[in-house]
Amino acid sequence: MKENIIKTKSFDFAVAIVSIYKQLTEERKEFVISKQLLRSGTSIGAMVRESEHAESKADFIHKLSIAQKEANEVLYWLELLNATEFMTISKFQKTHSEAKEIIRLITAILKMAKRNNLKSTTL
């Protein structure tokens, strides 16, 4: 069986986000922004999983579009945590890069799905 790269990457990313959340709350006593990061960072993988059992192509596209938006929100929270010096630069760069990679993957999947959906409706 072929590995589902976006499923694997989004799950691994969620694990990393949980780890960052724990560090922010336990060591830095930061509870507000970290909660937002936790919510959006773990939501990406959840929406990817939901898309696996979408009821239609449109539903699949909708669920992945939400995942894409959540990943973009993660970038904002990471940038804010970095700007306010709650994260080390190395942790920020690594996590930010992973989030951008997930966005690129989801964007590519969405482009293909929309193109295929358009073809099937015009036949």
PDB file of N, CA and C in Angstrom:
ATOM      1  N   MET A   1       0.839  -1.193   0.000  1.00  0.00           N
ATOM      2  CA  MET A   1       0.000   0.000   0.000  1.00  0.00           C
ATOM      3  C   MET A   1       0.880   1.251   0.000  1.00  0.00           C
ATOM      4  N   LYS A   2       0.535   2.206  -0.840  1.00  0.00           N
ATOM      5  CA  LYS A   2       1.307   3.435  -0.980  1.00  0.00           C
ATOM      6  C   LYS A   2       1.062   4.360   0.217  1.00  0.00           C
ATOM      7  N   GLU A   3       2.150   4.970   0.698  1.00  0.00           N
ATOM      8  CA  GLU A   3       2.047   5.886   1.831  1.00  0.00           C
ATOM      9  C   GLU A   3       1.326   7.168   1.416  1.00  0.00           C
ATOM     10  N   ASN A   4       0.434   7.626   2.272  1.00  0.00           N
ATOM     11  CA  ASN A   4      -0.260   8.883   2.064  1.00  0.00           C
ATOM     12  C   ASN A   4       0.591   9.975   2.726  1.00  0.00           C
ATOM     13  N   ILE A   5       1.361  10.687   1.907  1.00  0.00           N
ATOM     14  CA  ILE A   5       2.340  11.645   2.425  1.00  0.00           C
ATOM     15  C   ILE A   5       1.687  12.751   3.242  1.00  0.00           C
ATOM     16  N   ILE A   6       0.600  13.328   2.756  1.00  0.00           N
ATOM     17  CA  ILE A   6      -0.033  14.429   3.487  1.00  0.00           C
ATOM     18  C   ILE A   6      -0.616  13.939   4.808  1.00  0.00           C
ATOM     19  N   LYS A   7      -1.126  12.724   4.818  1.00  0.00           N
ATOM     20  CA  LYS A   7      -1.661  12.149   6.056  1.00  0.00           C
ATOM     21  C   LYS A   7      -0.536  11.979   7.085  1.00  0.00           C
ATOM     22  N   THR A   8       0.581  11.431   6.641  1.00  0.00           N
ATOM     23  CA  THR A   8       1.729  11.216   7.528  1.00  0.00           C
ATOM     24  C   THR A   8       2.312  12.535   8.011  1.00  0.00           C
ATOM     25  N   LYS A   9       2.545  13.465   7.087  1.00  0.00           N
ATOM     26  CA  LYS A   9       3.154  14.751   7.453  1.00  0.00           C
ATOM     27  C   LYS A   9       2.255  15.572   8.373  1.00  0.00           C
ATOM     28  N   SER A  10       0.954  15.553   8.117  1.00  0.00           N
ATOM     29  CA  SER A  10       0.051  16.348   8.955  1.00  0.00           C
ATOM     30  C   SER A  10      -0.060  15.748  10.359  1.00  0.00           C
ATOM     31  N   PHE A  11       0.014  14.403  10.460  1.00  0.00           N
ATOM     32  CA  PHE A  11      -0.008  13.773  11.785  1.00  0.00           C
ATOM     33  C   PHE A  11       1.286  14.086  12.548  1.00  0.00           C
ATOM     34  N   ASP A  12       2.413  13.919  11.873  1.00  0.00           N
ATOM     35  CA  ASP A  12       3.704  14.226  12.505  1.00  0.00           C
ATOM     36  C   ASP A  12       3.772  15.694  12.922  1.00  0.00           C
ATOM     37  N   PHE A  13       3.202  16.553  12.100  1.00  0.00           N
ATOM     38  CA  PHE A  13       3.171  17.981  12.419  1.00  0.00           C
ATOM     39  C   PHE A  13       2.325  18.219  13.675  1.00  0.00           C
ATOM     40  N   ALA A  14       1.191  17.548  13.775  1.00  0.00           N
ATOM     41  CA  ALA A  14       0.335  17.690  14.957  1.00  0.00           C
ATOM     42  C   ALA A  14       1.079  17.255  16.221  1.00  0.00           C
ATOM     43  N   VAL A  15       1.839  16.175  16.123  1.00  0.00           N
ATOM     44  CA  VAL A  15       2.637  15.707  17.265  1.00  0.00           C
ATOM     45  C   VAL A  15       3.646  16.785  17.671  1.00  0.00           C
ATOM     46  N   ALA A  16       4.299  17.396  16.681  1.00  0.00           N
ATOM     47  CA  ALA A  16       5.261  18.467  16.966  1.00  0.00           C
ATOM     48  C   ALA A  16       4.572  19.672  17.603  1.00  0.00           C
ATOM     49  N   ILE A  17       3.384  20.000  17.136  1.00  0.00           N
ATOM     50  CA  ILE A  17       2.620  21.128  17.685  1.00  0.00           C
ATOM     51  C   ILE A  17       2.235  20.866  19.141  1.00  0.00           C
ATOM     52  N   VAL A  18       1.822  19.645  19.446  1.00  0.00           N
ATOM     53  CA  VAL A  18       1.493  19.291  20.834  1.00  0.00           C
ATOM     54  C   VAL A  18       2.732  19.469  21.718  1.00  0.00           C
ATOM     55  N   SER A  19       3.872  19.060  21.209  1.00  0.00           N
ATOM     56  CA  SER A  19       5.122  19.212  21.955  1.00  0.00           C
ATOM     57  C   SER A  19       5.446  20.687  22.195  1.00  0.00           C
ATOM     58  N   ILE A  20       5.278  21.506  21.183  1.00  0.00           N
ATOM     59  CA  ILE A  20       5.508  22.948  21.328  1.00  0.00           C
ATOM     60  C   ILE A  20       4.534  23.537  22.338  1.00  0.00           C
ATOM     61  N   TYR A  21       3.268  23.126  22.252  1.00  0.00           N
ATOM     62  CA  TYR A  21       2.251  23.610  23.188  1.00  0.00           C
ATOM     63  C   TYR A  21       2.646  23.285  24.631  1.00  0.00           C
ATOM     64  N   LYS A  22       3.070  22.041  24.857  1.00  0.00           N
ATOM     65  CA  LYS A  22       3.469  21.638  26.207  1.00  0.00           C
ATOM     66  C   LYS A  22       4.643  22.474  26.705  1.00  0.00           C
ATOM     67  N   GLN A  23       5.612  22.693  25.838  1.00  0.00           N
ATOM     68  CA  GLN A  23       6.779  23.494  26.213  1.00  0.00           C
ATOM     69  C   GLN A  23       6.377  24.939  26.519  1.00  0.00           C
ATOM     70  N   LEU A  24       5.512  25.501  25.672  1.00  0.00           N
ATOM     71  CA  LEU A  24       5.077  26.887  25.874  1.00  0.00           C
ATOM     72  C   LEU A  24       4.297  27.053  27.169  1.00  0.00           C
ATOM     73  N   THR A  25       3.433  26.103  27.477  1.00  0.00           N
ATOM     74  CA  THR A  25       2.609  26.242  28.675  1.00  0.00           C
ATOM     75  C   THR A  25       3.375  25.881  29.948  1.00  0.00           C
ATOM     76  N   GLU A  26       4.212  24.862  29.885  1.00  0.00           N
ATOM     77  CA  GLU A  26       4.923  24.419  31.093  1.00  0.00           C
ATOM     78  C   GLU A  26       6.144  25.275  31.408  1.00  0.00           C
ATOM     79  N   GLU A  27       6.930  25.595  30.379  1.00  0.00           N
ATOM     80  CA  GLU A  27       8.181  26.317  30.619  1.00  0.00           C
ATOM     81  C   GLU A  27       8.031  27.828  30.501  1.00  0.00           C
ATOM     82  N   ARG A  28       7.234  28.276  29.537  1.00  0.00           N
ATOM     83  CA  ARG A  28       7.124  29.717  29.283  1.00  0.00           C
ATOM     84  C   ARG A  28       5.872  30.338  29.893  1.00  0.00           C
ATOM     85  N   LYS A  29       4.968  29.493  30.384  1.00  0.00           N
ATOM     86  CA  LYS A  29       3.703  29.948  30.984  1.00  0.00           C
ATOM     87  C   LYS A  29       2.887  30.807  30.025  1.00  0.00           C
ATOM     88  N   GLU A  30       2.946  30.430  28.748  1.00  0.00           N
ATOM     89  CA  GLU A  30       2.175  31.125  27.712  1.00  0.00           C
ATOM     90  C   GLU A  30       0.978  30.237  27.389  1.00  0.00           C
ATOM     91  N   PHE A  31      -0.236  30.749  27.617  1.00  0.00           N
ATOM     92  CA  PHE A  31      -1.434  29.919  27.490  1.00  0.00           C
ATOM     93  C   PHE A  31      -2.397  30.338  26.382  1.00  0.00           C
ATOM     94  N   VAL A  32      -2.359  31.577  25.959  1.00  0.00           N
ATOM     95  CA  VAL A  32      -3.356  32.074  25.013  1.00  0.00           C
ATOM     96  C   VAL A  32      -2.965  31.749  23.562  1.00  0.00           C
ATOM     97  N   ILE A  33      -1.827  32.244  23.135  1.00  0.00           N
ATOM     98  CA  ILE A  33      -1.392  32.010  21.751  1.00  0.00           C
ATOM     99  C   ILE A  33      -1.118  30.527  21.533  1.00  0.00           C
ATOM    100  N   SER A  34      -0.534  29.882  22.529  1.00  0.00           N
ATOM    101  CA  SER A  34      -0.215  28.453  22.399  1.00  0.00           C
ATOM    102  C   SER A  34      -1.472  27.619  22.195  1.00  0.00           C
ATOM    103  N   LYS A  35      -2.576  28.006  22.814  1.00  0.00           N
ATOM    104  CA  LYS A  35      -3.842  27.285  22.635  1.00  0.00           C
ATOM    105  C   LYS A  35      -4.351  27.447  21.201  1.00  0.00           C
ATOM    106  N   GLN A  36      -4.193  28.643  20.648  1.00  0.00           N
ATOM    107  CA  GLN A  36      -4.586  28.890  19.261  1.00  0.00           C
ATOM    108  C   GLN A  36      -3.724  28.049  18.310  1.00  0.00           C
ATOM    109  N   LEU A  37      -2.432  27.991  18.593  1.00  0.00           N
ATOM    110  CA  LEU A  37      -1.513  27.187  17.788  1.00  0.00           C
ATOM    111  C   LEU A  37      -1.887  25.710  17.874  1.00  0.00           C
ATOM    112  N   LEU A  38      -2.190  25.247  19.070  1.00  0.00           N
ATOM    113  CA  LEU A  38      -2.587  23.849  19.269  1.00  0.00           C
ATOM    114  C   LEU A  38      -3.847  23.521  18.478  1.00  0.00           C
ATOM    115  N   ARG A  39      -4.834  24.395  18.551  1.00  0.00           N
ATOM    116  CA  ARG A  39      -6.098  24.163  17.855  1.00  0.00           C
ATOM    117  C   ARG A  39      -5.902  24.097  16.341  1.00  0.00           C
ATOM    118  N   SER A  40      -5.235  25.093  15.780  1.00  0.00           N
ATOM    119  CA  SER A  40      -5.072  25.109  14.326  1.00  0.00           C
ATOM    120  C   SER A  40      -4.061  24.068  13.853  1.00  0.00           C
ATOM    121  N   GLY A  41      -3.015  23.848  14.618  1.00  0.00           N
ATOM    122  CA  GLY A  41      -1.977  22.899  14.216  1.00  0.00           C
ATOM    123  C   GLY A  41      -2.416  21.448  14.219  1.00  0.00           C
ATOM    124  N   THR A  42      -3.317  21.100  15.126  1.00  0.00           N
ATOM    125  CA  THR A  42      -3.824  19.727  15.157  1.00  0.00           C
ATOM    126  C   THR A  42      -5.042  19.553  14.249  1.00  0.00           C
ATOM    127  N   SER A  43      -5.684  20.635  13.909  1.00  0.00           N
ATOM    128  CA  SER A  43      -6.856  20.580  13.033  1.00  0.00           C
ATOM    129  C   SER A  43      -6.491  20.184  11.604  1.00  0.00           C
ATOM    130  N   ILE A  44      -5.271  20.513  11.182  1.00  0.00           N
ATOM    131  CA  ILE A  44      -4.843  20.201   9.811  1.00  0.00           C
ATOM    132  C   ILE A  44      -4.980  18.702   9.549  1.00  0.00           C
ATOM    133  N   GLY A  45      -4.353  17.900  10.395  1.00  0.00           N
ATOM    134  CA  GLY A  45      -4.400  16.450  10.227  1.00  0.00           C
ATOM    135  C   GLY A  45      -5.801  15.890  10.364  1.00  0.00           C
ATOM    136  N   ALA A  46      -6.584  16.482  11.257  1.00  0.00           N
ATOM    137  CA  ALA A  46      -7.965  16.017  11.432  1.00  0.00           C
ATOM    138  C   ALA A  46      -8.772  16.233  10.153  1.00  0.00           C
ATOM    139  N   MET A  47      -8.580  17.371   9.500  1.00  0.00           N
ATOM    140  CA  MET A  47      -9.309  17.640   8.260  1.00  0.00           C
ATOM    141  C   MET A  47      -8.799  16.764   7.114  1.00  0.00           C
ATOM    142  N   VAL A  48      -7.508  16.487   7.103  1.00  0.00           N
ATOM    143  CA  VAL A  48      -6.959  15.571   6.094  1.00  0.00           C
ATOM    144  C   VAL A  48      -7.600  14.196   6.270  1.00  0.00           C
ATOM    145  N   ARG A  49      -7.710  13.750   7.513  1.00  0.00           N
ATOM    146  CA  ARG A  49      -8.347  12.456   7.785  1.00  0.00           C
ATOM    147  C   ARG A  49      -9.814  12.463   7.376  1.00  0.00           C
ATOM    148  N   GLU A  50     -10.506  13.555   7.671  1.00  0.00           N
ATOM    149  CA  GLU A  50     -11.916  13.653   7.271  1.00  0.00           C
ATOM    150  C   GLU A  50     -12.061  13.596   5.760  1.00  0.00           C
ATOM    151  N   SER A  51     -11.115  14.190   5.054  1.00  0.00           N
ATOM    152  CA  SER A  51     -11.196  14.216   3.588  1.00  0.00           C
ATOM    153  C   SER A  51     -11.080  12.818   2.987  1.00  0.00           C
ATOM    154  N   GLU A  52     -10.453  11.901   3.706  1.00  0.00           N
ATOM    155  CA  GLU A  52     -10.314  10.525   3.215  1.00  0.00           C
ATOM    156  C   GLU A  52     -11.671   9.855   3.000  1.00  0.00           C
ATOM    157  N   HIS A  53     -12.639  10.269   3.774  1.00  0.00           N
ATOM    158  CA  HIS A  53     -13.975   9.673   3.687  1.00  0.00           C
ATOM    159  C   HIS A  53     -15.017  10.720   3.306  1.00  0.00           C
ATOM    160  N   ALA A  54     -14.609  11.615   2.433  1.00  0.00           N
ATOM    161  CA  ALA A  54     -15.523  12.659   1.968  1.00  0.00           C
ATOM    162  C   ALA A  54     -16.687  12.030   1.214  1.00  0.00           C
ATOM    163  N   GLU A  55     -17.820  12.685   1.290  1.00  0.00           N
ATOM    164  CA  GLU A  55     -19.037  12.176   0.654  1.00  0.00           C
ATOM    165  C   GLU A  55     -19.067  12.435  -0.851  1.00  0.00           C
ATOM    166  N   SER A  56     -18.235  13.369  -1.310  1.00  0.00           N
ATOM    167  CA  SER A  56     -18.197  13.711  -2.729  1.00  0.00           C
ATOM    168  C   SER A  56     -16.875  14.404  -3.013  1.00  0.00           C
ATOM    169  N   LYS A  57     -16.607  14.656  -4.289  1.00  0.00           N
ATOM    170  CA  LYS A  57     -15.400  15.405  -4.646  1.00  0.00           C
ATOM    171  C   LYS A  57     -15.462  16.813  -4.059  1.00  0.00           C
ATOM    172  N   ALA A  58     -16.640  17.407  -4.099  1.00  0.00           N
ATOM    173  CA  ALA A  58     -16.799  18.756  -3.544  1.00  0.00           C
ATOM    174  C   ALA A  58     -16.525  18.758  -2.038  1.00  0.00           C
ATOM    175  N   ASP A  59     -16.982  17.729  -1.340  1.00  0.00           N
ATOM    176  CA  ASP A  59     -16.735  17.601   0.094  1.00  0.00           C
ATOM    177  C   ASP A  59     -15.244  17.409   0.362  1.00  0.00           C
ATOM    178  N   PHE A  60     -14.583  16.597  -0.464  1.00  0.00           N
ATOM    179  CA  PHE A  60     -13.141  16.379  -0.358  1.00  0.00           C
ATOM    180  C   PHE A  60     -12.399  17.707  -0.499  1.00  0.00           C
ATOM    181  N   ILE A  61     -12.752  18.470  -1.517  1.00  0.00           N
ATOM    182  CA  ILE A  61     -12.126  19.770  -1.761  1.00  0.00           C
ATOM    183  C   ILE A  61     -12.389  20.715  -0.591  1.00  0.00           C
ATOM    184  N   HIS A  62     -13.603  20.702  -0.082  1.00  0.00           N
ATOM    185  CA  HIS A  62     -13.969  21.571   1.045  1.00  0.00           C
ATOM    186  C   HIS A  62     -13.139  21.250   2.286  1.00  0.00           C
ATOM    187  N   LYS A  63     -13.026  19.976   2.618  1.00  0.00           N
ATOM    188  CA  LYS A  63     -12.284  19.568   3.819  1.00  0.00           C
ATOM    189  C   LYS A  63     -10.796  19.898   3.697  1.00  0.00           C
ATOM    190  N   LEU A  64     -10.226  19.658   2.521  1.00  0.00           N
ATOM    191  CA  LEU A  64      -8.809  20.001   2.335  1.00  0.00           C
ATOM    192  C   LEU A  64      -8.596  21.509   2.307  1.00  0.00           C
ATOM    193  N   SER A  65      -9.593  22.253   1.841  1.00  0.00           N
ATOM    194  CA  SER A  65      -9.494  23.720   1.861  1.00  0.00           C
ATOM    195  C   SER A  65      -9.459  24.231   3.295  1.00  0.00           C
ATOM    196  N   ILE A  66     -10.219  23.598   4.163  1.00  0.00           N
ATOM    197  CA  ILE A  66     -10.184  23.969   5.587  1.00  0.00           C
ATOM    198  C   ILE A  66      -8.808  23.649   6.168  1.00  0.00           C
ATOM    199  N   ALA A  67      -8.257  22.487   5.834  1.00  0.00           N
ATOM    200  CA  ALA A  67      -6.921  22.117   6.299  1.00  0.00           C
ATOM    201  C   ALA A  67      -5.893  23.148   5.844  1.00  0.00           C
ATOM    202  N   GLN A  68      -6.035  23.610   4.606  1.00  0.00           N
ATOM    203  CA  GLN A  68      -5.126  24.614   4.059  1.00  0.00           C
ATOM    204  C   GLN A  68      -5.228  25.924   4.847  1.00  0.00           C
ATOM    205  N   LYS A  69      -6.441  26.329   5.158  1.00  0.00           N
ATOM    206  CA  LYS A  69      -6.651  27.554   5.938  1.00  0.00           C
ATOM    207  C   LYS A  69      -6.081  27.425   7.343  1.00  0.00           C
ATOM    208  N   GLU A  70      -6.260  26.259   7.954  1.00  0.00           N
ATOM    209  CA  GLU A  70      -5.709  26.023   9.297  1.00  0.00           C
ATOM    210  C   GLU A  70      -4.178  26.089   9.264  1.00  0.00           C
ATOM    211  N   ALA A  71      -3.580  25.517   8.230  1.00  0.00           N
ATOM    212  CA  ALA A  71      -2.117  25.551   8.100  1.00  0.00           C
ATOM    213  C   ALA A  71      -1.628  26.987   7.940  1.00  0.00           C
ATOM    214  N   ASN A  72      -2.371  27.786   7.202  1.00  0.00           N
ATOM    215  CA  ASN A  72      -2.008  29.189   7.050  1.00  0.00           C
ATOM    216  C   ASN A  72      -2.136  29.930   8.381  1.00  0.00           C
ATOM    217  N   GLU A  73      -3.155  29.580   9.152  1.00  0.00           N
ATOM    218  CA  GLU A  73      -3.313  30.189  10.484  1.00  0.00           C
ATOM    219  C   GLU A  73      -2.140  29.822  11.382  1.00  0.00           C
ATOM    220  N   VAL A  74      -1.665  28.586  11.270  1.00  0.00           N
ATOM    221  CA  VAL A  74      -0.498  28.148  12.045  1.00  0.00           C
ATOM    222  C   VAL A  74       0.694  29.065  11.768  1.00  0.00           C
ATOM    223  N   LEU A  75       0.890  29.414  10.498  1.00  0.00           N
ATOM    224  CA  LEU A  75       2.000  30.308  10.152  1.00  0.00           C
ATOM    225  C   LEU A  75       1.905  31.615  10.936  1.00  0.00           C
ATOM    226  N   TYR A  76       0.697  32.140  11.034  1.00  0.00           N
ATOM    227  CA  TYR A  76       0.496  33.392  11.769  1.00  0.00           C
ATOM    228  C   TYR A  76       0.901  33.243  13.240  1.00  0.00           C
ATOM    229  N   TRP A  77       0.397  32.183  13.886  1.00  0.00           N
ATOM    230  CA  TRP A  77       0.698  31.998  15.306  1.00  0.00           C
ATOM    231  C   TRP A  77       2.189  31.759  15.528  1.00  0.00           C
ATOM    232  N   LEU A  78       2.814  30.995  14.643  1.00  0.00           N
ATOM    233  CA  LEU A  78       4.259  30.771  14.758  1.00  0.00           C
ATOM    234  C   LEU A  78       5.025  32.077  14.605  1.00  0.00           C
ATOM    235  N   GLU A  79       4.629  32.880  13.626  1.00  0.00           N
ATOM    236  CA  GLU A  79       5.290  34.167  13.408  1.00  0.00           C
ATOM    237  C   GLU A  79       5.103  35.084  14.614  1.00  0.00           C
ATOM    238  N   LEU A  80       3.929  35.063  15.210  1.00  0.00           N
ATOM    239  CA  LEU A  80       3.664  35.873  16.400  1.00  0.00           C
ATOM    240  C   LEU A  80       4.494  35.384  17.592  1.00  0.00           C
ATOM    241  N   LEU A  81       4.550  34.069  17.786  1.00  0.00           N
ATOM    242  CA  LEU A  81       5.363  33.516  18.874  1.00  0.00           C
ATOM    243  C   LEU A  81       6.838  33.836  18.672  1.00  0.00           C
ATOM    244  N   ASN A  82       7.273  33.828  17.432  1.00  0.00           N
ATOM    245  CA  ASN A  82       8.666  34.169  17.139  1.00  0.00           C
ATOM    246  C   ASN A  82       8.925  35.652  17.402  1.00  0.00           C
ATOM    247  N   ALA A  83       8.029  36.506  16.928  1.00  0.00           N
ATOM    248  CA  ALA A  83       8.195  37.953  17.085  1.00  0.00           C
ATOM    249  C   ALA A  83       8.174  38.372  18.553  1.00  0.00           C
ATOM    250  N   THR A  84       7.467  37.618  19.381  1.00  0.00           N
ATOM    251  CA  THR A  84       7.368  37.948  20.807  1.00  0.00           C
ATOM    252  C   THR A  84       8.373  37.153  21.639  1.00  0.00           C
ATOM    253  N   GLU A  85       9.273  36.466  20.956  1.00  0.00           N
ATOM    254  CA  GLU A  85      10.383  35.729  21.566  1.00  0.00           C
ATOM    255  C   GLU A  85       9.955  34.608  22.503  1.00  0.00           C
ATOM    256  N   PHE A  86       8.824  33.967  22.187  1.00  0.00           N
ATOM    257  CA  PHE A  86       8.398  32.801  22.939  1.00  0.00           C
ATOM    258  C   PHE A  86       8.999  31.514  22.373  1.00  0.00           C
ATOM    259  N   MET A  87       9.539  31.593  21.153  1.00  0.00           N
ATOM    260  CA  MET A  87      10.138  30.425  20.504  1.00  0.00           C
ATOM    261  C   MET A  87      11.581  30.726  20.145  1.00  0.00           C
ATOM    262  N   THR A  88      12.395  29.682  20.169  1.00  0.00           N
ATOM    263  CA  THR A  88      13.759  29.845  19.668  1.00  0.00           C
ATOM    264  C   THR A  88      13.677  29.989  18.154  1.00  0.00           C
ATOM    265  N   ILE A  89      14.654  30.636  17.579  1.00  0.00           N
ATOM    266  CA  ILE A  89      14.661  30.846  16.137  1.00  0.00           C
ATOM    267  C   ILE A  89      14.738  29.510  15.398  1.00  0.00           C
ATOM    268  N   SER A  90      15.495  28.577  15.929  1.00  0.00           N
ATOM    269  CA  SER A  90      15.627  27.275  15.254  1.00  0.00           C
ATOM    270  C   SER A  90      14.311  26.498  15.286  1.00  0.00           C
ATOM    271  N   LYS A  91      13.609  26.515  16.409  1.00  0.00           N
ATOM    272  CA  LYS A  91      12.311  25.827  16.517  1.00  0.00           C
ATOM    273  C   LYS A  91      11.294  26.496  15.602  1.00  0.00           C
ATOM    274  N   PHE A  92      11.329  27.834  15.578  1.00  0.00           N
ATOM    275  CA  PHE A  92      10.429  28.573  14.692  1.00  0.00           C
ATOM    276  C   PHE A  92      10.686  28.203  13.235  1.00  0.00           C
ATOM    277  N   GLN A  93      11.949  28.271  12.809  1.00  0.00           N
ATOM    278  CA  GLN A  93      12.283  28.009  11.404  1.00  0.00           C
ATOM    279  C   GLN A  93      11.886  26.594  10.985  1.00  0.00           C
ATOM    280  N   LYS A  94      12.153  25.622  11.839  1.00  0.00           N
ATOM    281  CA  LYS A  94      11.825  24.229  11.521  1.00  0.00           C
ATOM    282  C   LYS A  94      10.311  24.049  11.392  1.00  0.00           C
ATOM    283  N   THR A  95       9.566  24.533  12.360  1.00  0.00           N
ATOM    284  CA  THR A  95       8.118  24.361  12.375  1.00  0.00           C
ATOM    285  C   THR A  95       7.457  25.177  11.261  1.00  0.00           C
ATOM    286  N   HIS A  96       7.925  26.369  11.048  1.00  0.00           N
ATOM    287  CA  HIS A  96       7.400  27.240   9.985  1.00  0.00           C
ATOM    288  C   HIS A  96       7.621  26.582   8.629  1.00  0.00           C
ATOM    289  N   SER A  97       8.798  26.030   8.429  1.00  0.00           N
ATOM    290  CA  SER A  97       9.121  25.350   7.170  1.00  0.00           C
ATOM    291  C   SER A  97       8.225  24.131   6.946  1.00  0.00           C
ATOM    292  N   GLU A  98       7.981  23.365   8.010  1.00  0.00           N
ATOM    293  CA  GLU A  98       7.102  22.196   7.909  1.00  0.00           C
ATOM    294  C   GLU A  98       5.674  22.613   7.562  1.00  0.00           C
ATOM    295  N   ALA A  99       5.200  23.693   8.175  1.00  0.00           N
ATOM    296  CA  ALA A  99       3.848  24.188   7.888  1.00  0.00           C
ATOM    297  C   ALA A  99       3.744  24.642   6.431  1.00  0.00           C
ATOM    298  N   LYS A 100       4.766  25.326   5.938  1.00  0.00           N
ATOM    299  CA  LYS A 100       4.753  25.775   4.546  1.00  0.00           C
ATOM    300  C   LYS A 100       4.780  24.590   3.589  1.00  0.00           C
ATOM    301  N   GLU A 101       5.515  23.543   3.942  1.00  0.00           N
ATOM    302  CA  GLU A 101       5.543  22.341   3.106  1.00  0.00           C
ATOM    303  C   GLU A 101       4.166  21.686   3.060  1.00  0.00           C
ATOM    304  N   ILE A 102       3.496  21.625   4.193  1.00  0.00           N
ATOM    305  CA  ILE A 102       2.141  21.062   4.244  1.00  0.00           C
ATOM    306  C   ILE A 102       1.195  21.890   3.379  1.00  0.00           C
ATOM    307  N   ILE A 103       1.310  23.205   3.442  1.00  0.00           N
ATOM    308  CA  ILE A 103       0.476  24.074   2.603  1.00  0.00           C
ATOM    309  C   ILE A 103       0.737  23.789   1.125  1.00  0.00           C
ATOM    310  N   ARG A 104       2.003  23.651   0.751  1.00  0.00           N
ATOM    311  CA  ARG A 104       2.336  23.356  -0.653  1.00  0.00           C
ATOM    312  C   ARG A 104       1.721  22.026  -1.093  1.00  0.00           C
ATOM    313  N   LEU A 105       1.816  20.998  -0.245  1.00  0.00           N
ATOM    314  CA  LEU A 105       1.241  19.690  -0.577  1.00  0.00           C
ATOM    315  C   LEU A 105      -0.274  19.774  -0.731  1.00  0.00           C
ATOM    316  N   ILE A 106      -0.925  20.415   0.230  1.00  0.00           N
ATOM    317  CA  ILE A 106      -2.384  20.541   0.179  1.00  0.00           C
ATOM    318  C   ILE A 106      -2.802  21.349  -1.044  1.00  0.00           C
ATOM    319  N   THR A 107      -2.082  22.419  -1.343  1.00  0.00           N
ATOM    320  CA  THR A 107      -2.391  23.245  -2.509  1.00  0.00           C
ATOM    321  C   THR A 107      -2.294  22.425  -3.790  1.00  0.00           C
ATOM    322  N   ALA A 108      -1.251  21.601  -3.899  1.00  0.00           N
ATOM    323  CA  ALA A 108      -1.090  20.756  -5.093  1.00  0.00           C
ATOM    324  C   ALA A 108      -2.228  19.744  -5.205  1.00  0.00           C
ATOM    325  N   ILE A 109      -2.608  19.143  -4.086  1.00  0.00           N
ATOM    326  CA  ILE A 109      -3.712  18.172  -4.079  1.00  0.00           C
ATOM    327  C   ILE A 109      -5.016  18.865  -4.476  1.00  0.00           C
ATOM    328  N   LEU A 110      -5.236  20.048  -3.926  1.00  0.00           N
ATOM    329  CA  LEU A 110      -6.455  20.792  -4.252  1.00  0.00           C
ATOM    330  C   LEU A 110      -6.516  21.185  -5.719  1.00  0.00           C
ATOM    331  N   LYS A 111      -5.397  21.628  -6.269  1.00  0.00           N
ATOM    332  CA  LYS A 111      -5.373  21.995  -7.694  1.00  0.00           C
ATOM    333  C   LYS A 111      -5.742  20.799  -8.557  1.00  0.00           C
ATOM    334  N   MET A 112      -5.162  19.640  -8.235  1.00  0.00           N
ATOM    335  CA  MET A 112      -5.449  18.431  -8.997  1.00  0.00           C
ATOM    336  C   MET A 112      -6.909  18.015  -8.826  1.00  0.00           C
ATOM    337  N   ALA A 113      -7.407  18.066  -7.610  1.00  0.00           N
ATOM    338  CA  ALA A 113      -8.792  17.666  -7.336  1.00  0.00           C
ATOM    339  C   ALA A 113      -9.776  18.596  -8.051  1.00  0.00           C
ATOM    340  N   LYS A 114      -9.496  19.895  -8.031  1.00  0.00           N
ATOM    341  CA  LYS A 114     -10.377  20.856  -8.710  1.00  0.00           C
ATOM    342  C   LYS A 114     -10.338  20.659 -10.220  1.00  0.00           C
ATOM    343  N   ARG A 115      -9.159  20.401 -10.743  1.00  0.00           N
ATOM    344  CA  ARG A 115      -9.018  20.156 -12.182  1.00  0.00           C
ATOM    345  C   ARG A 115      -9.790  18.892 -12.577  1.00  0.00           C
ATOM    346  N   ASN A 116      -9.626  17.826 -11.782  1.00  0.00           N
ATOM    347  CA  ASN A 116     -10.333  16.569 -12.054  1.00  0.00           C
ATOM    348  C   ASN A 116     -11.849  16.727 -11.880  1.00  0.00           C
ATOM    349  N   ASN A 117     -12.251  17.501 -10.907  1.00  0.00           N
ATOM    350  CA  ASN A 117     -13.671  17.742 -10.659  1.00  0.00           C
ATOM    351  C   ASN A 117     -14.272  18.522 -11.819  1.00  0.00           C
ATOM    352  N   LEU A 118     -13.523  19.477 -12.348  1.00  0.00           N
ATOM    353  CA  LEU A 118     -13.982  20.265 -13.489  1.00  0.00           C
ATOM    354  C   LEU A 118     -14.132  19.390 -14.722  1.00  0.00           C
ATOM    355  N   LYS A 119     -13.163  18.500 -14.938  1.00  0.00           N
ATOM    356  CA  LYS A 119     -13.224  17.595 -16.088  1.00  0.00           C
ATOM    357  C   LYS A 119     -14.440  16.675 -16.009  1.00  0.00           C
ATOM    358  N   SER A 120     -14.717  16.154 -14.820  1.00  0.00           N
ATOM    359  CA  SER A 120     -15.824  15.208 -14.676  1.00  0.00           C
ATOM    360  C   SER A 120     -17.192  15.876 -14.824  1.00  0.00           C
ATOM    361  N   THR A 121     -17.264  17.171 -14.537  1.00  0.00           N
ATOM    362  CA  THR A 121     -18.558  17.865 -14.677  1.00  0.00           C
ATOM    363  C   THR A 121     -18.797  18.350 -16.096  1.00  0.00           C
ATOM    364  N   THR A 122     -17.744  18.405 -16.913  1.00  0.00           N
ATOM    365  CA  THR A 122     -17.909  18.874 -18.283  1.00  0.00           C
ATOM    366  C   THR A 122     -18.026  17.742 -19.296  1.00  0.00           C
ATOM    367  N   LEU A 123     -17.887  16.500 -18.853  1.00  0.00           N
ATOM    368  CA  LEU A 123     -17.976  15.360 -19.764  1.00  0.00           C
ATOM    369  C   LEU A 123     -19.400  14.991 -20.074  1.00  0.00           C
TER     370      LEU A 123
END
